[in-house]
Structures are given as structure tokens and as C-alpha cells.
Amino acid sequence: MYRIALHYGTTITAIADANGIANPTQISVGQQLVIPVTGVPTPTPAATETTYVVQVGDNLYRIGLRFGVSHLVIAAYNGLSDPSDIHVGQVLRIPLP
């Protein structure tokens, strides 16, 4: 297992632990092993929404154009029964397409 660990840049202990092997000297030819990888970044989940602070002159239609989302979707997403009822400084949640 030493050569395997050396080849993959890990340790014998890490390989043994990842595979539940109590005695690292007792592996068999053809036995499949999980090789733990270190230093590989874990992918982060893609964002599903962003926020936007309403500015002077904004309306949901323009905000929707900016983010590529229908103004009606933004209204529903934010629980707005009247899409024209937004005000400067209001924080809107915008679902990403």
C-alpha cells in the first residue's frame, strides 16, 4: 500500500481509514480501494437566488430585464400582490434563471 499512497500523494493511514482496513499489509491483488484526495476544492452549490435593492426609477419590469426574469415571477417570489407596489430601499429576492 506504500507505493499506492506514494503514487496518489496520500498516506497509508488515509487509504486504510477510507477503506475500513485494520491491517494495511493485508490487501489483495485486484482489491478495489478508495483513494482519499486532499487539496481538491469541494464544489459549491450554484446560487438559486440573489437580492436587489430597489433604486429610484426602478420598476419590476426593468429589474426583471436586468436579471433575465419575468417581473411577474419576481412579484410572486416576493409575495407581492401588486407588482407596482415597490419602494426605494426595498430588498427584493430575485430567483436566478
Protein backbone atom coordinates (compact mmCIF):
# COMPACT_ATOMS: atom_id res chain seq x y z
CA MET A 1 0.00 0.00 0.00
CA TYR A 2 3.05 2.25 0.42
CA ARG A 3 3.53 2.59 -3.35
CA ILE A 4 -0.16 3.27 -3.88
CA ALA A 5 -0.10 6.03 -1.26
CA LEU A 6 3.08 7.49 -2.74
CA HIS A 7 1.63 7.40 -6.27
CA TYR A 8 -1.53 9.27 -5.23
CA GLY A 9 0.15 11.70 -2.83
CA THR A 10 -1.62 10.45 0.26
CA THR A 11 -0.77 8.28 3.25
CA ILE A 12 -1.18 4.60 4.04
CA THR A 13 -3.28 5.54 7.06
CA ALA A 14 -5.60 7.71 4.96
CA ILE A 15 -6.17 4.90 2.45
CA ALA A 16 -6.68 2.32 5.20
CA ASP A 17 -9.16 4.59 7.03
CA ALA A 18 -11.08 5.37 3.83
CA ASN A 19 -11.47 1.65 3.16
CA GLY A 20 -12.02 0.37 6.69
CA ILE A 21 -8.82 -1.68 6.57
CA ALA A 22 -7.46 -2.54 10.03
CA ASN A 23 -4.18 -4.02 8.78
CA PRO A 24 -2.76 -2.16 5.74
CA THR A 25 -0.38 -5.02 4.97
CA GLN A 26 -3.29 -7.32 4.18
CA ILE A 27 -4.70 -6.19 0.86
CA SER A 28 -5.32 -8.46 -2.10
CA VAL A 29 -4.39 -8.22 -5.75
CA GLY A 30 -7.42 -6.84 -7.60
CA GLN A 31 -8.97 -5.38 -4.44
CA GLN A 32 -10.60 -2.04 -5.19
CA LEU A 33 -9.55 0.81 -2.94
CA VAL A 34 -10.98 4.25 -2.34
CA ILE A 35 -8.17 6.79 -2.57
CA PRO A 36 -8.85 9.90 -0.46
CA VAL A 37 -7.93 13.09 -2.26
CA THR A 38 -6.76 16.15 -0.36
CA GLY A 39 -6.48 19.68 -1.59
CA VAL A 40 -9.29 19.31 -4.11
CA PRO A 41 -11.86 22.06 -3.67
CA THR A 42 -15.37 20.93 -2.91
CA PRO A 43 -17.76 22.33 -5.49
CA THR A 44 -20.15 24.86 -4.06
CA PRO A 45 -23.80 24.62 -4.93
CA ALA A 46 -24.94 27.02 -7.61
CA ALA A 47 -26.79 30.04 -6.32
CA THR A 48 -30.54 29.90 -6.84
CA GLU A 49 -31.29 33.50 -5.99
CA THR A 50 -29.78 36.90 -5.45
CA THR A 51 -31.04 40.08 -3.86
CA TYR A 52 -31.56 43.53 -5.29
CA VAL A 53 -32.17 46.84 -3.52
CA VAL A 54 -34.79 48.92 -5.32
CA GLN A 55 -33.38 52.22 -6.65
CA VAL A 56 -35.07 55.47 -7.70
CA GLY A 57 -36.84 54.93 -11.05
CA ASP A 58 -36.95 51.13 -10.76
CA ASN A 59 -39.97 49.01 -11.50
CA LEU A 60 -40.30 45.23 -11.52
CA TYR A 61 -40.30 45.09 -15.30
CA ARG A 62 -36.89 46.83 -15.54
CA ILE A 63 -35.50 44.77 -12.67
CA GLY A 64 -36.72 41.63 -14.42
CA LEU A 65 -34.98 42.66 -17.64
CA ARG A 66 -31.76 43.26 -15.73
CA PHE A 67 -31.79 39.74 -14.27
CA GLY A 68 -33.47 37.89 -17.13
CA VAL A 69 -36.52 37.01 -15.04
CA SER A 70 -40.15 37.92 -15.62
CA HIS A 71 -41.45 40.76 -13.46
CA LEU A 72 -44.42 38.55 -12.57
CA VAL A 73 -42.08 35.82 -11.31
CA ILE A 74 -40.24 38.37 -9.14
CA ALA A 75 -43.55 39.64 -7.76
CA ALA A 76 -44.73 36.12 -6.90
CA TYR A 77 -41.32 35.16 -5.47
CA ASN A 78 -41.52 38.12 -3.10
CA GLY A 79 -45.19 37.70 -2.22
CA LEU A 80 -46.20 40.96 -3.89
CA SER A 81 -49.87 41.00 -4.83
CA ASP A 82 -49.38 44.32 -6.67
CA PRO A 83 -46.22 44.30 -8.86
CA SER A 84 -46.21 48.10 -8.94
CA ASP A 85 -46.09 48.35 -5.15
CA ILE A 86 -42.33 48.54 -4.57
CA HIS A 87 -40.36 51.32 -2.91
CA VAL A 88 -36.80 52.67 -2.90
CA GLY A 89 -34.61 50.74 -0.48
CA GLN A 90 -36.80 47.63 -0.55
CA VAL A 91 -34.78 44.42 -0.80
CA LEU A 92 -36.16 42.01 -3.38
CA ARG A 93 -35.21 38.37 -3.71
CA ILE A 94 -34.54 37.55 -7.36
CA PRO A 95 -34.68 33.91 -8.48
CA LEU A 96 -31.89 33.17 -10.93
CA PRO A 97 -32.87 31.72 -14.30
